[in-house]
Protein backbone atom coordinates (compact mmCIF):
# COMPACT_ATOMS: atom_id res chain seq x y z
CA UNK A 1 65.41 21.73 6.26
CA UNK A 2 67.04 20.12 9.26
CA UNK A 3 64.73 17.53 10.62
CA UNK A 4 63.61 17.44 13.77
CA UNK A 5 65.23 18.15 17.09
CA UNK A 6 61.91 18.18 18.95
CA UNK A 7 58.52 16.67 18.01
CA UNK A 8 56.40 18.86 15.76
CA UNK A 9 53.24 20.43 17.11
CA UNK A 10 49.92 20.38 15.22
CA UNK A 11 50.57 23.67 13.43
CA UNK A 12 54.12 22.69 12.42
CA UNK A 13 52.89 19.33 11.08
CA UNK A 14 50.30 21.11 8.97
CA UNK A 15 52.91 23.53 7.59
CA UNK A 16 55.39 20.76 6.80
CA UNK A 17 52.70 18.67 5.11
CA UNK A 18 51.61 21.65 3.01
CA UNK A 19 55.17 22.46 1.93
CA UNK A 20 55.91 18.88 0.96
CA UNK A 21 52.58 18.50 -0.85
CA UNK A 22 53.21 21.72 -2.82
CA UNK A 23 56.70 20.61 -3.87
CA UNK A 24 56.11 16.89 -4.39
CA UNK A 25 56.80 15.90 -7.97
CA UNK A 26 57.52 19.48 -9.04
CA UNK A 27 60.39 20.88 -6.98
CA UNK A 28 63.34 19.55 -5.04
CA UNK A 29 63.33 19.09 -1.31
CA UNK A 30 66.57 18.69 0.63
CA UNK A 31 66.22 17.16 4.06
CA UNK A 32 69.07 16.62 6.50
CA UNK A 33 68.63 14.48 9.54
CA UNK A 34 70.48 12.28 11.98
CA UNK A 35 67.26 10.40 12.71
CA UNK A 36 66.60 7.01 11.13
CA UNK A 37 63.39 7.01 9.08
CA UNK A 38 61.50 4.93 11.66
CA UNK A 39 62.16 7.63 14.29
CA UNK A 40 60.51 10.23 12.08
CA UNK A 41 57.10 8.99 13.24
CA UNK A 42 57.85 10.13 16.79
CA UNK A 43 59.46 13.35 15.55
CA UNK A 44 56.44 14.23 13.41
CA UNK A 45 54.08 13.25 16.21
CA UNK A 46 51.18 11.81 14.17
CA UNK A 47 51.56 8.50 12.34
CA UNK A 48 49.05 9.35 9.59
CA UNK A 49 50.80 12.62 8.79
CA UNK A 50 54.18 10.90 9.03
CA UNK A 51 53.05 8.27 6.51
CA UNK A 52 51.94 10.98 4.08
CA UNK A 53 55.20 12.91 4.45
CA UNK A 54 57.42 9.85 4.20
CA UNK A 55 55.52 8.53 1.18
CA UNK A 56 56.29 11.75 -0.68
CA UNK A 57 59.91 12.12 0.45
CA UNK A 58 61.43 8.68 0.92
CA UNK A 59 60.21 6.80 -2.14
CA UNK A 60 61.74 9.23 -4.62
CA UNK A 61 64.75 10.21 -2.53
CA UNK A 62 68.38 10.12 -3.44
CA UNK A 63 70.18 9.41 -0.22
CA UNK A 64 73.64 10.53 0.69
CA UNK A 65 74.95 8.83 3.79
CA UNK A 66 77.94 10.49 5.35
CA UNK A 67 80.51 8.35 7.09
CA UNK A 68 83.60 9.04 9.12
CA UNK A 69 84.30 11.14 12.16
CA UNK A 70 82.21 14.16 13.05
CA UNK A 71 83.78 17.45 11.95
CA UNK A 72 83.05 18.85 15.40
CA UNK A 73 84.93 15.96 16.98
CA UNK A 74 87.90 16.43 14.66
CA UNK A 75 88.04 20.18 15.32
CA UNK A 76 87.87 19.56 19.08
CA UNK A 77 90.81 17.18 18.85
CA UNK A 78 92.85 19.71 16.83
CA UNK A 79 92.19 22.54 19.28
CA UNK A 80 93.67 20.61 22.20
């Protein structure tokens, strides 16, 4: 799942919460995002729901932080 270009609406929050609840502790979840964790509250749109989601994802997460130049930026430079 790519997380979140626009804030979630009520229905989307409910779906995301349900998916994460169903998978928590039983199945893997891969989340990609350019947003820092603190910005997820605004992206989710409800602090209580955000707390529930983050509690289930963040505390058991294995994080991979990518560094270096953006691939898009590198490709743009090569195409010049």
